Amino acid sequence: MIMKMRFKYILFFSLFTLSFSILGQNVDIGLTGGLSYYIGDINPSIQIMNRPKPTIGLFYRKNLNKRYALRYGVNYAKLTATDKVRSTDLSQYRHLSFSSDLWEAYGVIEFNFIPYQINNRATSRFSPFVFIGLAAFKVSPEVRGRDLDVLGSDLISVSIPFGLGVKFNFSGNWGLGIEWGMRKTFTDQVDGLPEKYADGYQLSNSQNNDWYSIVGLTLNYKILTHKDRCNMPGF
């Protein structure tokens, strides 16, 4: 119940901030598309993208200056993983798989390593960047395995998104981005695994929390303000 309230508060704060920030200068709105994958008991290695699935999202970015920006957004993704990708004794015994819808609302701060703004000739046409922030997410995991079929309850929790990427000027007021982001969660129940198997065999390690990642492309458009139009030829 407490986590559900936190999720609502974070979502409300994001929308509240959006209503004021979008009236300011240097605002982008955009789309995200890419792949999502999970890291946890069924996929313990960060190097293996175990059954990555498509993800989509919407965001807006408030550019504070040429170096810093605030970005808020929502993502929908599918998280899945299976023991079949691995070949250990434990994975062969468990023969587990899980899947879940993922809904995420987030807010992050971005730092550009090179001064950058869309359609501004006084700045670079591209810049590497890093980001970190706070997110709330919801999953509804379903686990299947040897003599096991568990439909987990909805889980609402928080995570810390962080990552890196590169921004580009694409054409006019359009921008492109490539980014890879990790989400550190504070729960071992993203995959919905019970701690014990039916015969007492341990399925999960509750000491290690789950992670998930989103890798993708962004396409965004800079909203022109009156000041922007006055500085452009032909206005």
Protein backbone atom coordinates (compact mmCIF):
# COMPACT_ATOMS: atom_id res chain seq x y z
CA MET A 1 0.00 0.00 0.00
CA ILE A 2 2.86 2.37 0.86
CA MET A 3 4.63 1.64 -2.42
CA LYS A 4 1.44 2.29 -4.38
CA MET A 5 1.16 5.69 -2.73
CA ARG A 6 4.79 6.47 -3.57
CA PHE A 7 4.19 5.52 -7.20
CA LYS A 8 1.21 7.88 -7.40
CA TYR A 9 3.17 10.71 -5.78
CA ILE A 10 6.10 10.36 -8.18
CA LEU A 11 3.77 10.26 -11.19
CA PHE A 12 1.83 13.29 -9.92
CA PHE A 13 5.07 15.22 -9.29
CA SER A 14 6.28 14.45 -12.83
CA LEU A 15 3.05 15.70 -14.43
CA PHE A 16 2.96 18.75 -12.15
CA THR A 17 6.52 19.69 -13.09
CA LEU A 18 5.72 19.12 -16.76
CA SER A 19 2.83 21.60 -16.71
CA PHE A 20 5.19 24.40 -15.63
CA SER A 21 8.40 23.44 -17.42
CA ILE A 22 6.80 23.07 -20.82
CA LEU A 23 6.00 26.78 -20.76
CA GLY A 24 9.70 27.61 -20.55
CA GLN A 25 12.38 27.80 -23.21
CA ASN A 26 14.45 24.95 -24.65
CA VAL A 27 11.90 22.18 -24.19
CA ASP A 28 12.02 18.92 -26.17
CA ILE A 29 9.30 16.31 -26.49
CA GLY A 30 10.10 12.89 -27.83
CA LEU A 31 9.67 9.16 -28.31
CA THR A 32 11.79 6.25 -27.10
CA GLY A 33 12.08 2.87 -28.78
CA GLY A 34 14.41 -0.02 -28.11
CA LEU A 35 14.94 -3.20 -26.10
CA SER A 36 14.56 -4.09 -22.44
CA TYR A 37 16.06 -6.97 -20.50
CA TYR A 38 16.27 -8.25 -16.93
CA ILE A 39 19.18 -9.18 -14.65
CA GLY A 40 18.48 -11.39 -11.65
CA ASP A 41 18.33 -14.99 -10.46
CA ILE A 42 17.29 -16.33 -13.88
CA ASN A 43 19.80 -14.11 -15.71
CA PRO A 44 22.61 -13.30 -13.25
CA SER A 45 25.08 -12.01 -15.85
CA ILE A 46 24.92 -8.41 -17.04
CA GLN A 47 26.71 -9.43 -20.24
CA ILE A 48 23.88 -11.68 -21.43
CA MET A 49 20.74 -10.08 -22.87
CA ASN A 50 18.45 -12.98 -21.97
CA ARG A 51 15.40 -12.71 -24.25
CA PRO A 52 15.35 -8.93 -24.79
CA LYS A 53 11.95 -7.51 -25.70
CA PRO A 54 10.77 -4.26 -27.35
CA THR A 55 10.08 -1.16 -25.28
CA ILE A 56 8.41 2.16 -26.12
CA GLY A 57 8.10 5.43 -24.25
CA LEU A 58 7.34 9.14 -24.22
CA PHE A 59 9.39 11.91 -22.61
CA TYR A 60 9.94 15.62 -22.37
CA ARG A 61 13.22 17.33 -21.64
CA LYS A 62 13.74 20.71 -20.03
CA ASN A 63 17.16 22.02 -21.13
CA LEU A 64 18.42 24.10 -18.23
CA ASN A 65 21.48 25.22 -20.20
CA LYS A 66 23.94 23.78 -22.74
CA ARG A 67 25.28 21.27 -20.20
CA TYR A 68 22.36 20.21 -17.98
CA ALA A 69 18.83 19.01 -18.70
CA LEU A 70 15.93 17.49 -16.77
CA ARG A 71 14.03 14.67 -18.46
CA TYR A 72 10.72 13.12 -17.39
CA GLY A 73 9.02 10.22 -19.09
CA VAL A 74 7.06 7.00 -19.06
CA ASN A 75 8.05 3.65 -20.56
CA TYR A 76 6.27 0.41 -21.32
CA ALA A 77 8.36 -2.73 -21.69
CA LYS A 78 8.23 -6.49 -21.46
CA LEU A 79 10.67 -8.34 -19.22
CA THR A 80 11.35 -12.02 -19.90
CA ALA A 81 14.12 -14.52 -19.14
CA THR A 82 14.67 -18.27 -19.20
CA ASP A 83 17.09 -20.79 -17.74
CA LYS A 84 17.51 -22.32 -21.21
CA VAL A 85 19.99 -19.59 -22.11
CA ARG A 86 22.35 -20.83 -19.38
CA SER A 87 23.85 -24.30 -18.94
CA THR A 88 24.51 -24.76 -15.21
CA ASP A 89 23.34 -27.61 -13.01
CA LEU A 90 20.99 -25.25 -11.17
CA SER A 91 19.44 -23.86 -14.35
CA GLN A 92 18.92 -27.35 -15.78
CA TYR A 93 17.23 -28.45 -12.57
CA ARG A 94 15.00 -25.40 -12.24
CA HIS A 95 14.14 -25.04 -15.93
CA LEU A 96 12.47 -21.73 -15.08
CA SER A 97 11.18 -18.85 -17.16
CA PHE A 98 9.34 -15.67 -16.31
CA SER A 99 7.63 -12.79 -18.08
CA SER A 100 6.05 -9.56 -16.98
CA ASP A 101 4.73 -6.28 -18.29
CA LEU A 102 6.69 -3.31 -17.00
CA TRP A 103 5.38 0.23 -16.55
CA GLU A 104 7.84 2.92 -15.52
CA ALA A 105 7.64 6.64 -14.69
CA TYR A 106 10.95 8.41 -14.20
CA GLY A 107 12.77 11.68 -13.77
CA VAL A 108 16.50 12.08 -14.46
CA ILE A 109 19.11 14.80 -14.72
CA GLU A 110 21.39 14.72 -17.76
CA PHE A 111 24.91 16.12 -18.13
CA ASN A 112 26.32 16.86 -21.61
CA PHE A 113 30.11 16.52 -21.88
CA ILE A 114 30.11 19.01 -24.78
CA PRO A 115 27.94 22.18 -24.86
CA TYR A 116 24.89 21.13 -26.89
CA GLN A 117 21.51 22.45 -28.00
CA ILE A 118 19.31 21.44 -30.90
CA ASN A 119 19.51 23.85 -33.88
CA ASN A 120 22.04 26.11 -32.17
CA ARG A 121 25.08 26.76 -34.39
CA ALA A 122 27.03 28.13 -31.42
CA THR A 123 27.12 24.64 -29.87
CA SER A 124 28.27 21.20 -30.97
CA ARG A 125 26.09 19.12 -33.27
CA PHE A 126 26.48 16.16 -30.90
CA SER A 127 27.45 15.37 -27.32
CA PRO A 128 28.03 12.30 -25.17
CA PHE A 129 25.98 12.48 -21.96
CA VAL A 130 25.31 10.66 -18.70
CA PHE A 131 22.15 10.58 -16.59
CA ILE A 132 20.91 9.55 -13.16
CA GLY A 133 17.59 9.94 -11.35
CA LEU A 134 14.63 8.24 -9.72
CA ALA A 135 11.89 6.00 -11.13
CA ALA A 136 8.78 4.17 -10.00
CA PHE A 137 7.83 0.95 -11.74
CA LYS A 138 5.14 -1.73 -11.74
CA VAL A 139 5.50 -5.39 -12.73
CA SER A 140 3.15 -8.39 -12.74
CA PRO A 141 5.49 -11.41 -12.98
CA GLU A 142 4.42 -14.87 -14.09
CA VAL A 143 6.83 -17.75 -13.40
CA ARG A 144 6.85 -21.18 -15.04
CA GLY A 145 9.14 -24.15 -14.49
CA ARG A 146 9.39 -27.80 -13.62
CA ASP A 147 6.16 -28.52 -11.70
CA LEU A 148 5.85 -24.79 -11.05
CA ASP A 149 3.36 -22.25 -12.37
CA VAL A 150 3.14 -19.08 -10.29
CA LEU A 151 1.23 -15.93 -11.16
CA GLY A 152 2.84 -13.31 -8.96
CA SER A 153 0.97 -10.37 -7.52
CA ASP A 154 1.50 -6.85 -8.83
CA LEU A 155 4.63 -5.23 -7.46
CA ILE A 156 5.14 -1.46 -7.29
CA SER A 157 8.57 -0.26 -6.26
CA VAL A 158 11.26 2.32 -6.95
CA SER A 159 14.54 2.15 -8.84
CA ILE A 160 17.54 4.32 -9.63
CA PRO A 161 17.98 4.78 -13.39
CA PHE A 162 21.45 5.70 -14.63
CA GLY A 163 23.34 5.38 -17.87
CA LEU A 164 25.01 7.06 -20.81
CA GLY A 165 24.41 7.94 -24.42
CA VAL A 166 25.03 10.31 -27.31
CA LYS A 167 22.77 13.13 -28.59
CA PHE A 168 22.78 14.34 -32.21
CA ASN A 169 21.28 17.18 -34.21
CA PHE A 170 19.25 15.37 -36.85
CA SER A 171 17.48 17.98 -38.98
CA GLY A 172 16.23 21.44 -38.07
CA ASN A 173 14.56 21.21 -34.69
CA TRP A 174 14.76 17.40 -34.61
CA GLY A 175 17.25 15.50 -32.51
CA LEU A 176 18.31 11.86 -32.22
CA GLY A 177 19.81 9.97 -29.32
CA ILE A 178 21.29 6.58 -28.50
CA GLU A 179 21.37 5.51 -24.87
CA TRP A 180 21.87 2.56 -22.55
CA GLY A 181 20.39 2.73 -19.07
CA MET A 182 20.42 0.44 -16.06
CA ARG A 183 17.81 0.39 -13.29
CA LYS A 184 18.92 -0.58 -9.80
CA THR A 185 15.93 -1.85 -7.86
CA PHE A 186 15.55 -2.53 -4.15
CA THR A 187 13.61 -5.78 -4.45
CA ASP A 188 14.28 -9.41 -5.39
CA GLN A 189 10.70 -9.88 -6.63
CA VAL A 190 10.84 -8.33 -10.11
CA ASP A 191 10.91 -11.91 -11.48
CA GLY A 192 8.35 -13.17 -8.93
CA LEU A 193 10.49 -16.17 -7.90
CA PRO A 194 9.55 -17.83 -4.60
CA GLU A 195 12.49 -18.49 -2.28
CA LYS A 196 11.85 -22.24 -2.09
CA TYR A 197 10.86 -24.85 -4.63
CA ALA A 198 8.08 -27.34 -3.89
CA ASP A 199 10.56 -29.93 -2.58
CA GLY A 200 12.57 -27.40 -0.57
CA TYR A 201 15.14 -26.63 -3.29
CA GLN A 202 16.23 -22.97 -3.21
CA LEU A 203 15.18 -21.03 -6.30
CA SER A 204 16.36 -17.50 -5.61
CA ASN A 205 18.89 -15.52 -3.60
CA SER A 206 17.02 -12.89 -1.63
CA GLN A 207 20.32 -11.15 -0.82
CA ASN A 208 20.72 -10.01 -4.44
CA ASN A 209 18.16 -7.55 -5.77
CA ASP A 210 16.99 -7.63 -9.38
CA TRP A 211 17.91 -5.13 -12.09
CA TYR A 212 16.48 -4.24 -15.48
CA SER A 213 17.86 -2.31 -18.42
CA ILE A 214 16.54 -0.29 -21.35
CA VAL A 215 18.63 0.24 -24.48
CA GLY A 216 17.33 2.28 -27.35
CA LEU A 217 16.95 5.25 -29.65
CA THR A 218 15.23 8.56 -28.96
CA LEU A 219 13.66 10.96 -31.43
CA ASN A 220 12.81 14.39 -30.07
CA TYR A 221 11.56 17.76 -31.28
CA LYS A 222 12.52 21.16 -29.87
CA ILE A 223 9.49 23.34 -29.22
CA LEU A 224 10.12 26.82 -30.58
CA THR A 225 9.41 29.75 -28.28
CA HIS A 226 8.80 33.36 -29.34
CA LYS A 227 12.44 34.17 -28.58
CA ASP A 228 13.64 31.27 -30.73
CA ARG A 229 11.52 32.44 -33.69
CA CYS A 230 12.81 36.01 -33.43
CA ASN A 231 16.40 34.74 -33.66
CA MET A 232 15.73 32.61 -36.74
CA PRO A 233 16.01 33.94 -40.30
CA GLY A 234 12.67 34.70 -41.93
CA PHE A 235 10.81 35.52 -38.66
